[in-house]
Every structure is written in structure tokens, then in C-alpha cells.
């Protein structure tokens, strides 16, 4: 059963379509159920394409849509990596795979194959592969989902949805409504000097940032110190690069804290875990991971 908040959300999307809107961007905090909401909203549409950038997101999305829509399980499929299902009513596709020009053809799916399209993490939609998908398909309705619509490079994702934003739910409002658990945020002073690091489209140049972090043992020690101070059962660290993630995992291991680096297409070793295994261990509070 839908609660009052989700019912209001779905009503706002429906009203937008009633007013002639055929694409919209919904900004909602992480963890409030955007995927389930899109599944409920898609029910009047016979075919659905769900696009995301990670395999685990696509697998979770398929389960969510199947729980809501039901029907023949064989009508659901994936388009990612080595698996490229065709003739599916409900397709869950990796942007890195489907966004390639060779797959955007009627040999796989016609431009009008899907009446409802969901683009997850829509703040990435200005990137090339997302643009290929958006330009190729012609759904009756396109829904962009994001928790963070602002981009550091200033590029405008709202224009991709004709500036239609029928619903917004901030993290503070979600906590106040009881949809998310409250949390404490601690800011730690970072003594790193970033003034001489080059920026590209609003982001620090990865190689420069990587070198800055790898040579900054003081910063690494500070992170370990604060990690130990709060005695967390599990943690995720977001790093500048794969090399930086492995270096952080090694530093934590040297401090007696079991940890691992996690990234795509990795070969597991003493410092690196395969993604599925890392998620399992994280859920069991066994290992901090760096990605």
C-alpha cells in the first residue's frame, strides 16, 4: 500500500502528463524508493526501459519492477556486458553497453520499442552514451531520477527534461517525514593544498589528485585516526582513482583494519575484492571498502 507521501508524488507525475509533459526530472534523496515509485508510475505503460550505470542497480531495479508489475518473468531482461536480451517488454540496460552506436539499431530495439523510459542518476545524462540513448528512443514518457541535479561543470541537465520538475524531496524533508533515518555528519579538517591541482570541467584532474593523495601520508593517517575514533562496524570510502583505492586499502590493512578496494573489471587479490563479494562482506559488517 502506498503512503500519503508516495501517493502525492505519483499524483504530481500523473498531473504533469495530463498537462502535456512527456519528459520530467524528479529530484529525490537517496534511499526513499525512487525505483519503486517509477515502477508504480509505469503501470499504465506496456513496455519499459530502465537505464543505469551499474550492474547491481539494474538487478535491484528488475526485482523492484517485477514486484510491482508482476507478469511473465521471461518478459524481463538485461542489456549489459555479455548479456544482450532482445524482444523484452521490460529491459534493464547498462548505459555503457546500450549507449554504443552499434546497439542502437532496430536489430536490437526499434526507436519506439519502449513506451516508458527511466534514466537513473540523471545528473550523468549530459554524457555521451546517455545522450545516444535519449536521442535514439522515442518513448511516450521519459523520467529522469536523481538525488543531485547540480553539476560542478555547470552543464544543465534540467534542459534535457524541458525544465519539468514535478516533484522534489530533499534529504532533510525525507528524514522529517520518517522516510529516512537521521544521521550525524562530521566534517574533518583536510590540510591538503589543492591550489596547484588542475581542474577540468569543474573537476580536479584525476592524475594530479591521485598523485597528491598518494604522496600525502599525513592525510591517510588522519583518515585512519578518525575511522578508529568512531568505531564503525562498516564503511565506504570514495577515492580519486583505482590506484588510490588500493593504496587506502593497503594503509588500512597495515593499521590492522580488514579492508579492500572495489572497482569495475578488477582482478581480485590481497587488496581488491570482486564487487558482489565486497557488497556481501559490507552488509555483514566485515570489511570497509574503498571505491
C-alpha atoms as a PDB file:
ATOM      1  CA  UNK A   1       0.000   0.000   0.000  1.00  0.00           C
ATOM      2  CA  UNK A   2       1.294   3.451  -0.905  1.00  0.00           C
ATOM      3  CA  UNK A   3       1.569   6.024   1.869  1.00  0.00           C
ATOM      4  CA  UNK A   4       0.429   9.633   1.602  1.00  0.00           C
ATOM      5  CA  UNK A   5       3.834  10.936   0.504  1.00  0.00           C
ATOM      6  CA  UNK A   6       4.299   8.440  -2.321  1.00  0.00           C
ATOM      7  CA  UNK A   7       0.688   8.826  -3.464  1.00  0.00           C
ATOM      8  CA  UNK A   8       1.202  12.587  -3.686  1.00  0.00           C
ATOM      9  CA  UNK A   9       4.411  12.058  -5.625  1.00  0.00           C
ATOM     10  CA  UNK A  10       2.750   9.767  -8.177  1.00  0.00           C
ATOM     11  CA  UNK A  11      -0.204  12.135  -8.483  1.00  0.00           C
ATOM     12  CA  UNK A  12       2.143  15.003  -9.332  1.00  0.00           C
ATOM     13  CA  UNK A  13       3.769  12.954 -12.107  1.00  0.00           C
ATOM     14  CA  UNK A  14       0.368  11.959 -13.466  1.00  0.00           C
ATOM     15  CA  UNK A  15      -0.822  15.567 -13.395  1.00  0.00           C
ATOM     16  CA  UNK A  16       2.277  16.672 -15.286  1.00  0.00           C
ATOM     17  CA  UNK A  17       1.490  14.185 -18.052  1.00  0.00           C
ATOM     18  CA  UNK A  18      -2.144  15.334 -18.080  1.00  0.00           C
ATOM     19  CA  UNK A  19      -0.783  18.816 -18.823  1.00  0.00           C
ATOM     20  CA  UNK A  20       1.136  17.512 -21.823  1.00  0.00           C
ATOM     21  CA  UNK A  21       4.535  16.814 -20.294  1.00  0.00           C
ATOM     22  CA  UNK A  22       6.315  13.889 -21.984  1.00  0.00           C
ATOM     23  CA  UNK A  23       9.581  14.024 -20.017  1.00  0.00           C
ATOM     24  CA  UNK A  24      10.344  15.039 -16.449  1.00  0.00           C
ATOM     25  CA  UNK A  25      13.120  15.137 -13.881  1.00  0.00           C
ATOM     26  CA  UNK A  26      12.388  14.037 -10.323  1.00  0.00           C
ATOM     27  CA  UNK A  27      14.812  15.036  -7.589  1.00  0.00           C
ATOM     28  CA  UNK A  28      14.577  12.785  -4.552  1.00  0.00           C
ATOM     29  CA  UNK A  29      17.017  11.894  -1.791  1.00  0.00           C
ATOM     30  CA  UNK A  30      18.862   8.594  -1.965  1.00  0.00           C
ATOM     31  CA  UNK A  31      17.025   5.782  -0.182  1.00  0.00           C
ATOM     32  CA  UNK A  32      13.423   6.980  -0.403  1.00  0.00           C
ATOM     33  CA  UNK A  33      12.410   4.492  -3.088  1.00  0.00           C
ATOM     34  CA  UNK A  34      12.735   6.276  -6.434  1.00  0.00           C
ATOM     35  CA  UNK A  35      12.941   2.971  -8.310  1.00  0.00           C
ATOM     36  CA  UNK A  36       9.770   1.576  -6.739  1.00  0.00           C
ATOM     37  CA  UNK A  37       7.981   4.848  -7.409  1.00  0.00           C
ATOM     38  CA  UNK A  38       8.967   4.707 -11.077  1.00  0.00           C
ATOM     39  CA  UNK A  39       7.710   1.108 -11.211  1.00  0.00           C
ATOM     40  CA  UNK A  40       4.308   2.144  -9.828  1.00  0.00           C
ATOM     41  CA  UNK A  41       4.190   5.125 -12.178  1.00  0.00           C
ATOM     42  CA  UNK A  42       4.982   2.916 -15.181  1.00  0.00           C
ATOM     43  CA  UNK A  43       1.968   0.640 -14.713  1.00  0.00           C
ATOM     44  CA  UNK A  44      -0.169   2.225 -17.480  1.00  0.00           C
ATOM     45  CA  UNK A  45       2.656   1.643 -19.975  1.00  0.00           C
ATOM     46  CA  UNK A  46       3.138  -1.769 -21.638  1.00  0.00           C
ATOM     47  CA  UNK A  47       6.910  -1.549 -22.196  1.00  0.00           C
ATOM     48  CA  UNK A  48       9.698  -0.136 -20.029  1.00  0.00           C
ATOM     49  CA  UNK A  49      13.403   0.613 -20.434  1.00  0.00           C
ATOM     50  CA  UNK A  50      15.377   1.267 -17.252  1.00  0.00           C
ATOM     51  CA  UNK A  51      18.891   2.656 -17.765  1.00  0.00           C
ATOM     52  CA  UNK A  52      21.580   2.791 -15.078  1.00  0.00           C
ATOM     53  CA  UNK A  53      25.361   2.679 -14.857  1.00  0.00           C
ATOM     54  CA  UNK A  54      25.945  -0.265 -12.513  1.00  0.00           C
ATOM     55  CA  UNK A  55      25.023  -3.936 -12.759  1.00  0.00           C
ATOM     56  CA  UNK A  56      23.786  -4.206  -9.172  1.00  0.00           C
ATOM     57  CA  UNK A  57      21.457  -1.232  -9.672  1.00  0.00           C
ATOM     58  CA  UNK A  58      19.959  -2.903 -12.736  1.00  0.00           C
ATOM     59  CA  UNK A  59      19.435  -6.186 -10.899  1.00  0.00           C
ATOM     60  CA  UNK A  60      17.767  -4.405  -7.978  1.00  0.00           C
ATOM     61  CA  UNK A  61      15.608  -2.415 -10.383  1.00  0.00           C
ATOM     62  CA  UNK A  62      14.414  -5.544 -12.160  1.00  0.00           C
ATOM     63  CA  UNK A  63      13.363  -7.058  -8.839  1.00  0.00           C
ATOM     64  CA  UNK A  64      11.546  -3.852  -7.894  1.00  0.00           C
ATOM     65  CA  UNK A  65       9.658  -3.655 -11.179  1.00  0.00           C
ATOM     66  CA  UNK A  66       8.782  -7.350 -11.066  1.00  0.00           C
ATOM     67  CA  UNK A  67       7.452  -6.973  -7.510  1.00  0.00           C
ATOM     68  CA  UNK A  68       5.203  -4.144  -8.713  1.00  0.00           C
ATOM     69  CA  UNK A  69       4.296  -5.202 -12.257  1.00  0.00           C
ATOM     70  CA  UNK A  70       4.476  -8.977 -11.977  1.00  0.00           C
ATOM     71  CA  UNK A  71       3.515 -10.956 -15.072  1.00  0.00           C
ATOM     72  CA  UNK A  72       5.626 -13.344 -17.104  1.00  0.00           C
ATOM     73  CA  UNK A  73       9.172 -13.421 -15.734  1.00  0.00           C
ATOM     74  CA  UNK A  74      10.523 -14.085 -19.228  1.00  0.00           C
ATOM     75  CA  UNK A  75       9.289 -10.633 -20.295  1.00  0.00           C
ATOM     76  CA  UNK A  76      12.081  -9.120 -18.187  1.00  0.00           C
ATOM     77  CA  UNK A  77      15.660  -8.952 -19.396  1.00  0.00           C
ATOM     78  CA  UNK A  78      19.067  -7.298 -19.236  1.00  0.00           C
ATOM     79  CA  UNK A  79      21.242  -5.498 -21.746  1.00  0.00           C
ATOM     80  CA  UNK A  80      24.698  -5.260 -20.230  1.00  0.00           C
ATOM     81  CA  UNK A  81      28.148  -6.727 -20.686  1.00  0.00           C
ATOM     82  CA  UNK A  82      27.939 -10.075 -22.443  1.00  0.00           C
ATOM     83  CA  UNK A  83      24.172 -10.375 -21.956  1.00  0.00           C
ATOM     84  CA  UNK A  84      22.040  -8.655 -24.570  1.00  0.00           C
ATOM     85  CA  UNK A  85      18.420  -9.766 -24.326  1.00  0.00           C
ATOM     86  CA  UNK A  86      16.107  -8.818 -27.164  1.00  0.00           C
ATOM     87  CA  UNK A  87      12.310  -8.768 -27.547  1.00  0.00           C
ATOM     88  CA  UNK A  88      11.751  -7.967 -23.853  1.00  0.00           C
ATOM     89  CA  UNK A  89       8.877  -5.830 -22.602  1.00  0.00           C
ATOM     90  CA  UNK A  90      10.894  -4.746 -19.578  1.00  0.00           C
ATOM     91  CA  UNK A  91      14.575  -4.150 -20.277  1.00  0.00           C
ATOM     92  CA  UNK A  92      17.220  -3.115 -17.734  1.00  0.00           C
ATOM     93  CA  UNK A  93      20.201  -1.738 -19.570  1.00  0.00           C
ATOM     94  CA  UNK A  94      23.702  -0.580 -18.780  1.00  0.00           C
ATOM     95  CA  UNK A  95      24.377   2.843 -20.232  1.00  0.00           C
ATOM     96  CA  UNK A  96      27.918   1.755 -21.144  1.00  0.00           C
ATOM     97  CA  UNK A  97      26.552  -1.100 -23.274  1.00  0.00           C
ATOM     98  CA  UNK A  98      23.276   0.161 -24.719  1.00  0.00           C
ATOM     99  CA  UNK A  99      24.749   3.614 -25.342  1.00  0.00           C
ATOM    100  CA  UNK A 100      27.083   2.254 -28.006  1.00  0.00           C
ATOM    101  CA  UNK A 101      26.006   3.166 -31.535  1.00  0.00           C
ATOM    102  CA  UNK A 102      26.153  -0.450 -32.752  1.00  0.00           C
ATOM    103  CA  UNK A 103      23.401  -1.477 -30.332  1.00  0.00           C
ATOM    104  CA  UNK A 104      21.095   1.460 -31.018  1.00  0.00           C
ATOM    105  CA  UNK A 105      19.504  -0.073 -34.075  1.00  0.00           C
ATOM    106  CA  UNK A 106      16.356  -1.996 -34.997  1.00  0.00           C
ATOM    107  CA  UNK A 107      18.453  -5.174 -34.959  1.00  0.00           C
ATOM    108  CA  UNK A 108      18.131  -4.949 -31.183  1.00  0.00           C
ATOM    109  CA  UNK A 109      15.318  -2.486 -30.350  1.00  0.00           C
ATOM    110  CA  UNK A 110      13.389  -0.053 -32.530  1.00  0.00           C
ATOM    111  CA  UNK A 111      13.234   3.622 -31.503  1.00  0.00           C
ATOM    112  CA  UNK A 112       9.604   3.193 -30.403  1.00  0.00           C
ATOM    113  CA  UNK A 113      10.172  -0.137 -28.615  1.00  0.00           C
ATOM    114  CA  UNK A 114       9.601   1.348 -25.141  1.00  0.00           C
ATOM    115  CA  UNK A 115       6.673   3.496 -24.088  1.00  0.00           C
ATOM    116  CA  UNK A 116       8.214   4.404 -20.710  1.00  0.00           C
ATOM    117  CA  UNK A 117      11.910   5.072 -20.106  1.00  0.00           C
ATOM    118  CA  UNK A 118      13.648   5.649 -16.771  1.00  0.00           C
ATOM    119  CA  UNK A 119      17.128   7.174 -16.674  1.00  0.00           C
ATOM    120  CA  UNK A 120      18.660   6.629 -13.237  1.00  0.00           C
ATOM    121  CA  UNK A 121      21.347   9.002 -11.910  1.00  0.00           C
ATOM    122  CA  UNK A 122      20.128  11.556 -14.430  1.00  0.00           C
ATOM    123  CA  UNK A 123      22.820  14.061 -13.473  1.00  0.00           C
ATOM    124  CA  UNK A 124      25.114  11.976 -15.706  1.00  0.00           C
ATOM    125  CA  UNK A 125      22.752  12.331 -18.672  1.00  0.00           C
ATOM    126  CA  UNK A 126      24.810  15.064 -20.352  1.00  0.00           C
ATOM    127  CA  UNK A 127      27.493  12.440 -21.014  1.00  0.00           C
ATOM    128  CA  UNK A 128      27.780  10.909 -24.484  1.00  0.00           C
ATOM    129  CA  UNK A 129      26.344   7.406 -24.005  1.00  0.00           C
ATOM    130  CA  UNK A 130      23.321   8.732 -22.139  1.00  0.00           C
ATOM    131  CA  UNK A 131      22.753  11.237 -24.932  1.00  0.00           C
ATOM    132  CA  UNK A 132      22.886   8.479 -27.537  1.00  0.00           C
ATOM    133  CA  UNK A 133      20.119   6.590 -25.724  1.00  0.00           C
ATOM    134  CA  UNK A 134      17.943   9.666 -25.159  1.00  0.00           C
ATOM    135  CA  UNK A 135      18.309  10.743 -28.792  1.00  0.00           C
ATOM    136  CA  UNK A 136      17.594   7.280 -30.230  1.00  0.00           C
ATOM    137  CA  UNK A 137      14.482   6.215 -28.335  1.00  0.00           C
ATOM    138  CA  UNK A 138      11.088   7.910 -28.573  1.00  0.00           C
ATOM    139  CA  UNK A 139       9.011   6.895 -25.538  1.00  0.00           C
ATOM    140  CA  UNK A 140       5.633   8.296 -24.585  1.00  0.00           C
ATOM    141  CA  UNK A 141       7.228   9.367 -21.300  1.00  0.00           C
ATOM    142  CA  UNK A 142      10.815   9.733 -20.121  1.00  0.00           C
ATOM    143  CA  UNK A 143      11.571  10.001 -16.413  1.00  0.00           C
ATOM    144  CA  UNK A 144      14.923  11.162 -15.067  1.00  0.00           C
ATOM    145  CA  UNK A 145      15.780  10.261 -11.472  1.00  0.00           C
ATOM    146  CA  UNK A 146      18.479  11.948  -9.404  1.00  0.00           C
ATOM    147  CA  UNK A 147      19.366  12.941  -5.875  1.00  0.00           C
ATOM    148  CA  UNK A 148      21.932  15.519  -7.036  1.00  0.00           C
ATOM    149  CA  UNK A 149      20.877  17.548 -10.102  1.00  0.00           C
ATOM    150  CA  UNK A 150      23.597  20.187  -9.781  1.00  0.00           C
ATOM    151  CA  UNK A 151      26.836  19.578 -11.671  1.00  0.00           C
ATOM    152  CA  UNK A 152      30.190  21.162 -10.871  1.00  0.00           C
ATOM    153  CA  UNK A 153      30.839  21.839 -14.562  1.00  0.00           C
ATOM    154  CA  UNK A 154      27.691  23.939 -14.824  1.00  0.00           C
ATOM    155  CA  UNK A 155      26.090  21.831 -17.570  1.00  0.00           C
ATOM    156  CA  UNK A 156      22.307  21.952 -17.497  1.00  0.00           C
ATOM    157  CA  UNK A 157      20.537  18.614 -17.014  1.00  0.00           C
ATOM    158  CA  UNK A 158      17.160  20.311 -16.473  1.00  0.00           C
ATOM    159  CA  UNK A 159      17.060  21.287 -20.150  1.00  0.00           C
ATOM    160  CA  UNK A 160      17.090  17.587 -21.102  1.00  0.00           C
ATOM    161  CA  UNK A 161      13.684  17.298 -19.421  1.00  0.00           C
ATOM    162  CA  UNK A 162      12.375  20.630 -20.740  1.00  0.00           C
ATOM    163  CA  UNK A 163      12.699  22.051 -17.216  1.00  0.00           C
ATOM    164  CA  UNK A 164       9.816  19.904 -15.975  1.00  0.00           C
ATOM    165  CA  UNK A 165      10.384  19.036 -12.300  1.00  0.00           C
ATOM    166  CA  UNK A 166       7.025  17.802 -10.984  1.00  0.00           C
ATOM    167  CA  UNK A 167       8.340  16.580  -7.629  1.00  0.00           C
ATOM    168  CA  UNK A 168      11.260  17.228  -5.272  1.00  0.00           C
ATOM    169  CA  UNK A 169      12.064  15.625  -1.934  1.00  0.00           C
ATOM    170  CA  UNK A 170      15.204  16.724  -0.109  1.00  0.00           C
ATOM    171  CA  UNK A 171      17.074  14.545   2.362  1.00  0.00           C
ATOM    172  CA  UNK A 172      16.021  16.822   5.238  1.00  0.00           C
ATOM    173  CA  UNK A 173      12.359  16.571   4.306  1.00  0.00           C
ATOM    174  CA  UNK A 174      12.624  12.798   3.872  1.00  0.00           C
ATOM    175  CA  UNK A 175      14.062  12.500   7.396  1.00  0.00           C
ATOM    176  CA  UNK A 176      11.318  14.728   8.817  1.00  0.00           C
ATOM    177  CA  UNK A 177       8.667  12.533   7.170  1.00  0.00           C
ATOM    178  CA  UNK A 178      10.207   9.398   8.683  1.00  0.00           C
ATOM    179  CA  UNK A 179      11.252   8.027   5.291  1.00  0.00           C
ATOM    180  CA  UNK A 180      14.975   8.066   6.148  1.00  0.00           C
ATOM    181  CA  UNK A 181      16.849   7.545   9.401  1.00  0.00           C
ATOM    182  CA  UNK A 182      18.517  10.670  10.816  1.00  0.00           C
ATOM    183  CA  UNK A 183      22.298  10.762  10.771  1.00  0.00           C
ATOM    184  CA  UNK A 184      25.239  12.720  12.147  1.00  0.00           C
ATOM    185  CA  UNK A 185      27.629  14.447   9.771  1.00  0.00           C
ATOM    186  CA  UNK A 186      31.200  15.104  10.881  1.00  0.00           C
ATOM    187  CA  UNK A 187      33.494  17.376   8.915  1.00  0.00           C
ATOM    188  CA  UNK A 188      37.214  16.679   9.293  1.00  0.00           C
ATOM    189  CA  UNK A 189      39.806  19.323   8.548  1.00  0.00           C
ATOM    190  CA  UNK A 190      41.828  18.387   5.472  1.00  0.00           C
ATOM    191  CA  UNK A 191      45.295  20.014   5.447  1.00  0.00           C
ATOM    192  CA  UNK A 192      45.868  19.125   1.778  1.00  0.00           C
ATOM    193  CA  UNK A 193      46.803  22.032  -0.511  1.00  0.00           C
ATOM    194  CA  UNK A 194      44.626  21.767  -3.639  1.00  0.00           C
ATOM    195  CA  UNK A 195      45.642  25.125  -5.140  1.00  0.00           C
ATOM    196  CA  UNK A 196      48.095  23.665  -7.668  1.00  0.00           C
ATOM    197  CA  UNK A 197      45.817  20.872  -8.942  1.00  0.00           C
ATOM    198  CA  UNK A 198      44.403  21.416 -12.426  1.00  0.00           C
ATOM    199  CA  UNK A 199      40.637  21.317 -12.960  1.00  0.00           C
ATOM    200  CA  UNK A 200      38.760  20.021 -15.994  1.00  0.00           C
ATOM    201  CA  UNK A 201      35.086  20.997 -16.376  1.00  0.00           C
ATOM    202  CA  UNK A 202      34.840  21.751 -12.691  1.00  0.00           C
ATOM    203  CA  UNK A 203      36.544  18.548 -11.521  1.00  0.00           C
ATOM    204  CA  UNK A 204      40.090  18.053 -10.313  1.00  0.00           C
ATOM    205  CA  UNK A 205      42.293  16.288 -12.857  1.00  0.00           C
ATOM    206  CA  UNK A 206      42.321  12.659 -11.723  1.00  0.00           C
ATOM    207  CA  UNK A 207      46.041  12.009 -12.216  1.00  0.00           C
ATOM    208  CA  UNK A 208      47.002  15.161 -10.287  1.00  0.00           C
ATOM    209  CA  UNK A 209      44.601  14.391  -7.447  1.00  0.00           C
ATOM    210  CA  UNK A 210      45.784  10.789  -7.310  1.00  0.00           C
ATOM    211  CA  UNK A 211      49.413  11.831  -7.000  1.00  0.00           C
ATOM    212  CA  UNK A 212      48.558  14.409  -4.347  1.00  0.00           C
ATOM    213  CA  UNK A 213      46.801  11.782  -2.208  1.00  0.00           C
ATOM    214  CA  UNK A 214      49.337   9.011  -2.733  1.00  0.00           C
ATOM    215  CA  UNK A 215      52.166  11.216  -1.537  1.00  0.00           C
ATOM    216  CA  UNK A 216      50.222  12.596   1.434  1.00  0.00           C
ATOM    217  CA  UNK A 217      50.759  10.112   4.263  1.00  0.00           C
ATOM    218  CA  UNK A 218      49.564  12.702   6.790  1.00  0.00           C
ATOM    219  CA  UNK A 219      46.130  12.740   5.163  1.00  0.00           C
ATOM    220  CA  UNK A 220      45.930   8.948   5.119  1.00  0.00           C
ATOM    221  CA  UNK A 221      46.909   8.718   8.784  1.00  0.00           C
ATOM    222  CA  UNK A 222      44.276  11.348   9.635  1.00  0.00           C
ATOM    223  CA  UNK A 223      41.545   9.307   7.905  1.00  0.00           C
ATOM    224  CA  UNK A 224      42.559   6.135   9.763  1.00  0.00           C
ATOM    225  CA  UNK A 225      42.677   8.012  13.073  1.00  0.00           C
ATOM    226  CA  UNK A 226      39.124   9.340  12.687  1.00  0.00           C
ATOM    227  CA  UNK A 227      37.861   5.977  11.448  1.00  0.00           C
ATOM    228  CA  UNK A 228      39.163   4.313  14.618  1.00  0.00           C
ATOM    229  CA  UNK A 229      37.791   7.131  16.771  1.00  0.00           C
ATOM    230  CA  UNK A 230      34.175   6.398  15.804  1.00  0.00           C
ATOM    231  CA  UNK A 231      34.444   2.560  15.876  1.00  0.00           C
ATOM    232  CA  UNK A 232      32.268   1.982  12.785  1.00  0.00           C
ATOM    233  CA  UNK A 233      31.051  -1.512  12.003  1.00  0.00           C
ATOM    234  CA  UNK A 234      31.409  -0.874   8.286  1.00  0.00           C
ATOM    235  CA  UNK A 235      32.333   1.968   5.963  1.00  0.00           C
ATOM    236  CA  UNK A 236      32.690   3.031   2.342  1.00  0.00           C
ATOM    237  CA  UNK A 237      35.496   5.298   1.183  1.00  0.00           C
ATOM    238  CA  UNK A 238      35.288   7.073  -2.169  1.00  0.00           C
ATOM    239  CA  UNK A 239      38.693   7.535  -3.761  1.00  0.00           C
ATOM    240  CA  UNK A 240      40.251   9.564  -6.561  1.00  0.00           C
ATOM    241  CA  UNK A 241      41.267   6.546  -8.666  1.00  0.00           C
ATOM    242  CA  UNK A 242      41.769   2.787  -8.611  1.00  0.00           C
ATOM    243  CA  UNK A 243      45.390   3.230  -7.571  1.00  0.00           C
ATOM    244  CA  UNK A 244      44.313   5.474  -4.707  1.00  0.00           C
ATOM    245  CA  UNK A 245      41.659   2.942  -3.622  1.00  0.00           C
ATOM    246  CA  UNK A 246      44.263   0.164  -3.466  1.00  0.00           C
ATOM    247  CA  UNK A 247      46.652   2.407  -1.533  1.00  0.00           C
ATOM    248  CA  UNK A 248      43.940   3.221   1.036  1.00  0.00           C
ATOM    249  CA  UNK A 249      43.031  -0.446   1.419  1.00  0.00           C
ATOM    250  CA  UNK A 250      46.694  -1.285   2.000  1.00  0.00           C
ATOM    251  CA  UNK A 251      47.085   1.522   4.569  1.00  0.00           C
ATOM    252  CA  UNK A 252      44.023   0.305   6.489  1.00  0.00           C
ATOM    253  CA  UNK A 253      45.280  -3.280   6.399  1.00  0.00           C
ATOM    254  CA  UNK A 254      48.667  -2.144   7.725  1.00  0.00           C
ATOM    255  CA  UNK A 255      46.798  -0.452  10.591  1.00  0.00           C
ATOM    256  CA  UNK A 256      45.153  -3.793  11.441  1.00  0.00           C
ATOM    257  CA  UNK A 257      41.782  -2.945   9.840  1.00  0.00           C
ATOM    258  CA  UNK A 258      40.480  -5.520   7.302  1.00  0.00           C
ATOM    259  CA  UNK A 259      39.655  -3.614   4.116  1.00  0.00           C
ATOM    260  CA  UNK A 260      39.592  -3.899   0.335  1.00  0.00           C
ATOM    261  CA  UNK A 261      39.423  -1.850  -2.831  1.00  0.00           C
ATOM    262  CA  UNK A 262      36.456  -2.335  -5.165  1.00  0.00           C
ATOM    263  CA  UNK A 263      36.107  -1.182  -8.764  1.00  0.00           C
ATOM    264  CA  UNK A 264      34.836  -2.468 -12.088  1.00  0.00           C
ATOM    265  CA  UNK A 265      36.628  -5.195 -14.061  1.00  0.00           C
ATOM    266  CA  UNK A 266      39.035  -5.794 -11.183  1.00  0.00           C
ATOM    267  CA  UNK A 267      41.147  -8.913 -10.690  1.00  0.00           C
ATOM    268  CA  UNK A 268      40.708  -9.934  -7.025  1.00  0.00           C
ATOM    269  CA  UNK A 269      43.879 -10.105  -4.936  1.00  0.00           C
ATOM    270  CA  UNK A 270      45.029  -9.278  -1.397  1.00  0.00           C
ATOM    271  CA  UNK A 271      43.856  -5.683  -1.767  1.00  0.00           C
ATOM    272  CA  UNK A 272      40.976  -5.974  -4.232  1.00  0.00           C
ATOM    273  CA  UNK A 273      37.607  -7.702  -3.856  1.00  0.00           C
ATOM    274  CA  UNK A 274      35.128  -8.641  -6.560  1.00  0.00           C
ATOM    275  CA  UNK A 275      32.136  -6.258  -6.309  1.00  0.00           C
ATOM    276  CA  UNK A 276      29.472  -8.827  -5.332  1.00  0.00           C
ATOM    277  CA  UNK A 277      31.718 -10.325  -2.649  1.00  0.00           C
ATOM    278  CA  UNK A 278      32.565  -6.853  -1.334  1.00  0.00           C
ATOM    279  CA  UNK A 279      28.888  -5.918  -1.015  1.00  0.00           C
ATOM    280  CA  UNK A 280      28.180  -9.180   0.846  1.00  0.00           C
ATOM    281  CA  UNK A 281      31.002  -8.519   3.315  1.00  0.00           C
ATOM    282  CA  UNK A 282      29.934  -4.906   3.755  1.00  0.00           C
ATOM    283  CA  UNK A 283      26.393  -5.997   4.604  1.00  0.00           C
ATOM    284  CA  UNK A 284      27.804  -8.418   7.159  1.00  0.00           C
ATOM    285  CA  UNK A 285      29.903  -5.602   8.714  1.00  0.00           C
ATOM    286  CA  UNK A 286      33.101  -7.479   7.956  1.00  0.00           C
ATOM    287  CA  UNK A 287      35.138  -5.067   5.874  1.00  0.00           C
ATOM    288  CA  UNK A 288      35.401  -1.369   4.984  1.00  0.00           C
ATOM    289  CA  UNK A 289      35.713  -0.908   1.226  1.00  0.00           C
ATOM    290  CA  UNK A 290      37.248   1.781  -0.969  1.00  0.00           C
ATOM    291  CA  UNK A 291      35.793   2.513  -4.377  1.00  0.00           C
END
